[in-house]
Amino acid sequence: MHLDLLAIVTAFGLIFLAELPDKTMFASLAMGTRMRPLYVWFGTSSAFIVHVAIAVGAGGLIGLLPDWIVKLVSAVLFGLGAFMLLRGSGGDDEGEEGEIKTVTGFWPVYSTAFMAVFISEWGDLTQITTANLAASNGAWSTAIGSAVALMSVSALALLAGRFIAKRVPLKTVQRIGGLCMLGLAIWSVTEIFVG
């Protein structure tokens, strides 16, 4: 196994910048306001690692999946997330028990975060870029740089979500997060038709 520091830094820089404005970052931010951020990070990071392995190992085979199916499943998952966030933020200011319910437990949070990222990242720009970099810069170096970049963006989104949640009422954060998730669902459906 040969590691090239320049290839690692190149992969990190390109993937980090490509993922920053990506819908997955906003989904991580929204999930982090409703669920335990560390559990969300484990779920998103695991999904990113699987995607990096697939991109490095299979490269161009990702394009064999019908793009519209990937986007439709992604839209459904974002829509479900929007429903959960908006349902939890509506109605009374305090709810019956005076507390806002959050999704808890490692496995429910982990699996939700994993599946949201795993499905929505198929054929994504970062996955295609990772496959291309692996072909020219070496598999291991690209895999390390790409995985660290994706996990860093997820951590950044979760920290921002926690920061916002401490300064803005949780119901407001949930409403905004739900609207963002709804916007991402609409965006995913639009991408099916726009291409």
Protein backbone atom coordinates (compact mmCIF):
# COMPACT_ATOMS: atom_id res chain seq x y z
CA MET A 1 0.00 0.00 0.00
CA HIS A 2 1.58 3.22 -1.20
CA LEU A 3 0.28 6.51 0.21
CA ASP A 4 0.89 9.77 -1.59
CA LEU A 5 0.46 12.82 0.67
CA LEU A 6 -0.23 15.11 -2.30
CA ALA A 7 -2.97 12.76 -3.55
CA ILE A 8 -4.53 12.65 -0.06
CA VAL A 9 -4.51 16.46 0.21
CA THR A 10 -5.86 16.83 -3.34
CA ALA A 11 -8.71 14.40 -2.69
CA PHE A 12 -9.49 16.07 0.64
CA GLY A 13 -9.57 19.57 -0.85
CA LEU A 14 -11.67 18.72 -3.89
CA ILE A 15 -14.18 16.55 -2.02
CA PHE A 16 -14.47 18.92 0.96
CA LEU A 17 -15.27 21.88 -1.31
CA ALA A 18 -17.67 19.84 -3.46
CA GLU A 19 -19.58 18.53 -0.43
CA LEU A 20 -19.92 21.86 1.42
CA PRO A 21 -22.92 23.15 -0.54
CA ASP A 22 -24.32 19.63 -1.01
CA LYS A 23 -27.76 18.56 0.17
CA THR A 24 -26.21 15.94 2.45
CA MET A 25 -24.59 18.67 4.53
CA PHE A 26 -27.97 20.33 5.05
CA ALA A 27 -29.59 16.98 5.85
CA SER A 28 -26.89 16.32 8.47
CA LEU A 29 -27.49 19.74 9.96
CA ALA A 30 -31.25 19.10 10.16
CA MET A 31 -30.81 15.61 11.65
CA GLY A 32 -28.38 16.99 14.21
CA THR A 33 -31.01 19.33 15.63
CA ARG A 34 -33.46 16.48 16.24
CA MET A 35 -31.12 13.56 17.03
CA ARG A 36 -27.93 13.03 18.99
CA PRO A 37 -25.21 14.56 16.79
CA LEU A 38 -22.56 11.95 17.60
CA TYR A 39 -24.92 9.13 16.58
CA VAL A 40 -25.81 11.00 13.39
CA TRP A 41 -22.11 11.49 12.66
CA PHE A 42 -21.42 7.76 13.08
CA GLY A 43 -24.27 6.99 10.68
CA THR A 44 -23.28 9.55 8.05
CA SER A 45 -19.59 8.67 8.34
CA SER A 46 -20.29 4.96 7.89
CA ALA A 47 -22.34 5.68 4.78
CA PHE A 48 -19.61 7.94 3.41
CA ILE A 49 -16.96 5.26 4.00
CA VAL A 50 -19.09 2.70 2.14
CA HIS A 51 -19.56 5.15 -0.74
CA VAL A 52 -15.85 5.92 -0.90
CA ALA A 53 -15.07 2.20 -0.98
CA ILE A 54 -17.60 1.68 -3.75
CA ALA A 55 -16.31 4.68 -5.72
CA VAL A 56 -12.70 3.62 -5.39
CA GLY A 57 -13.43 -0.05 -6.07
CA ALA A 58 -16.04 0.21 -8.76
CA GLY A 59 -15.50 3.64 -10.28
CA GLY A 60 -17.72 3.97 -13.29
CA LEU A 61 -20.15 1.18 -12.31
CA ILE A 62 -22.15 3.70 -10.26
CA GLY A 63 -23.51 5.09 -13.47
CA LEU A 64 -25.31 1.81 -14.15
CA LEU A 65 -27.98 2.60 -11.56
CA PRO A 66 -30.90 4.50 -13.05
CA ASP A 67 -30.40 8.09 -11.94
CA TRP A 68 -34.12 8.80 -11.60
CA ILE A 69 -34.60 5.94 -9.14
CA VAL A 70 -31.76 7.19 -6.93
CA LYS A 71 -33.21 10.71 -6.94
CA LEU A 72 -36.75 9.48 -6.27
CA VAL A 73 -35.70 7.40 -3.25
CA SER A 74 -33.64 10.33 -2.02
CA ALA A 75 -36.67 12.64 -2.37
CA VAL A 76 -38.84 10.20 -0.39
CA LEU A 77 -36.27 10.03 2.42
CA PHE A 78 -35.93 13.81 2.56
CA GLY A 79 -39.73 14.10 2.52
CA LEU A 80 -39.99 11.67 5.42
CA GLY A 81 -37.39 13.67 7.33
CA ALA A 82 -39.33 16.89 6.63
CA PHE A 83 -42.54 15.28 7.85
CA MET A 84 -40.90 14.11 11.08
CA LEU A 85 -39.36 17.53 11.77
CA LEU A 86 -42.45 19.56 10.89
CA ARG A 87 -44.78 17.23 12.80
CA GLY A 88 -42.58 17.56 15.86
CA SER A 89 -42.52 21.36 15.64
CA GLY A 90 -46.20 22.04 15.02
CA GLY A 91 -49.06 22.61 17.39
CA ASP A 92 -48.62 23.79 20.96
CA ASP A 93 -45.53 25.62 22.10
CA GLU A 94 -44.69 23.00 24.68
CA GLY A 95 -46.72 19.92 23.78
CA GLU A 96 -48.58 17.81 26.34
CA GLU A 97 -45.60 16.94 28.48
CA GLY A 98 -43.81 20.29 28.19
CA GLU A 99 -40.88 18.74 26.33
CA ILE A 100 -40.07 18.19 22.71
CA LYS A 101 -39.56 14.57 21.77
CA THR A 102 -36.38 13.69 19.95
CA VAL A 103 -35.31 10.54 18.18
CA THR A 104 -33.11 8.64 20.62
CA GLY A 105 -31.17 5.43 20.81
CA PHE A 106 -28.02 4.66 18.93
CA TRP A 107 -29.40 2.22 16.34
CA PRO A 108 -32.50 4.21 15.29
CA VAL A 109 -30.45 7.39 14.86
CA TYR A 110 -27.50 5.59 13.25
CA SER A 111 -29.68 3.70 10.76
CA THR A 112 -31.70 6.82 9.85
CA ALA A 113 -28.54 8.86 9.21
CA PHE A 114 -26.82 5.99 7.39
CA MET A 115 -29.73 5.34 5.04
CA ALA A 116 -30.35 9.04 4.32
CA VAL A 117 -26.75 9.51 3.20
CA PHE A 118 -26.26 6.08 1.65
CA ILE A 119 -29.20 6.44 -0.72
CA SER A 120 -28.89 10.14 -1.51
CA GLU A 121 -25.16 10.00 -2.35
CA TRP A 122 -25.44 7.47 -5.20
CA GLY A 123 -23.92 8.97 -8.31
CA ASP A 124 -23.26 12.24 -6.47
CA LEU A 125 -20.55 14.61 -7.70
CA THR A 126 -18.27 13.65 -4.81
CA GLN A 127 -18.63 9.94 -5.53
CA ILE A 128 -17.87 10.44 -9.23
CA THR A 129 -14.95 12.73 -8.36
CA THR A 130 -13.61 10.12 -5.93
CA ALA A 131 -13.81 7.43 -8.62
CA ASN A 132 -11.96 9.66 -11.10
CA LEU A 133 -9.27 10.62 -8.57
CA ALA A 134 -8.76 6.98 -7.61
CA ALA A 135 -8.12 6.09 -11.23
CA SER A 136 -5.40 8.71 -11.58
CA ASN A 137 -3.99 9.31 -8.07
CA GLY A 138 -4.10 5.90 -6.43
CA ALA A 139 -6.89 4.11 -4.60
CA TRP A 140 -5.69 4.27 -0.98
CA SER A 141 -4.61 7.90 -1.01
CA THR A 142 -7.85 8.98 -2.67
CA ALA A 143 -9.93 6.86 -0.30
CA ILE A 144 -8.30 8.39 2.79
CA GLY A 145 -8.53 11.97 1.53
CA SER A 146 -12.14 11.59 0.35
CA ALA A 147 -13.39 9.82 3.47
CA VAL A 148 -11.80 12.36 5.83
CA ALA A 149 -13.25 15.24 3.76
CA LEU A 150 -16.78 13.81 3.80
CA MET A 151 -16.65 13.01 7.51
CA SER A 152 -15.32 16.52 8.21
CA VAL A 153 -18.18 18.20 6.35
CA SER A 154 -20.67 16.07 8.27
CA ALA A 155 -19.03 17.02 11.58
CA LEU A 156 -19.03 20.68 10.59
CA ALA A 157 -22.75 20.54 9.76
CA LEU A 158 -23.54 18.82 13.05
CA LEU A 159 -21.54 21.35 15.05
CA ALA A 160 -23.32 24.18 13.26
CA GLY A 161 -26.64 22.49 14.01
CA ARG A 162 -25.77 22.22 17.70
CA PHE A 163 -24.61 25.85 17.79
CA ILE A 164 -27.85 27.03 16.20
CA ALA A 165 -29.99 24.82 18.45
CA LYS A 166 -28.46 26.41 21.58
CA ARG A 167 -29.28 29.95 20.43
CA VAL A 168 -32.62 29.54 18.66
CA PRO A 169 -35.76 27.89 20.14
CA LEU A 170 -35.87 24.21 19.20
CA LYS A 171 -39.31 24.46 17.59
CA THR A 172 -38.02 27.21 15.29
CA VAL A 173 -34.96 25.14 14.40
CA GLN A 174 -37.18 22.12 13.71
CA ARG A 175 -39.48 24.16 11.48
CA ILE A 176 -36.54 25.56 9.53
CA GLY A 177 -34.92 22.12 9.35
CA GLY A 178 -38.19 20.58 8.19
CA LEU A 179 -38.59 23.23 5.51
CA CYS A 180 -34.98 22.64 4.40
CA MET A 181 -35.62 18.89 4.18
CA LEU A 182 -38.84 19.56 2.25
CA GLY A 183 -36.86 21.81 -0.09
CA LEU A 184 -34.29 19.04 -0.58
CA ALA A 185 -37.09 16.56 -1.36
CA ILE A 186 -38.51 18.94 -3.97
CA TRP A 187 -35.00 19.56 -5.33
CA SER A 188 -34.41 15.80 -5.68
CA VAL A 189 -37.70 15.35 -7.56
CA THR A 190 -36.89 18.35 -9.78
CA GLU A 191 -33.50 16.80 -10.62
CA ILE A 192 -35.33 13.76 -12.05
CA PHE A 193 -37.03 15.92 -14.67
CA VAL A 194 -34.31 18.52 -15.21
CA GLY A 195 -31.66 15.90 -15.55
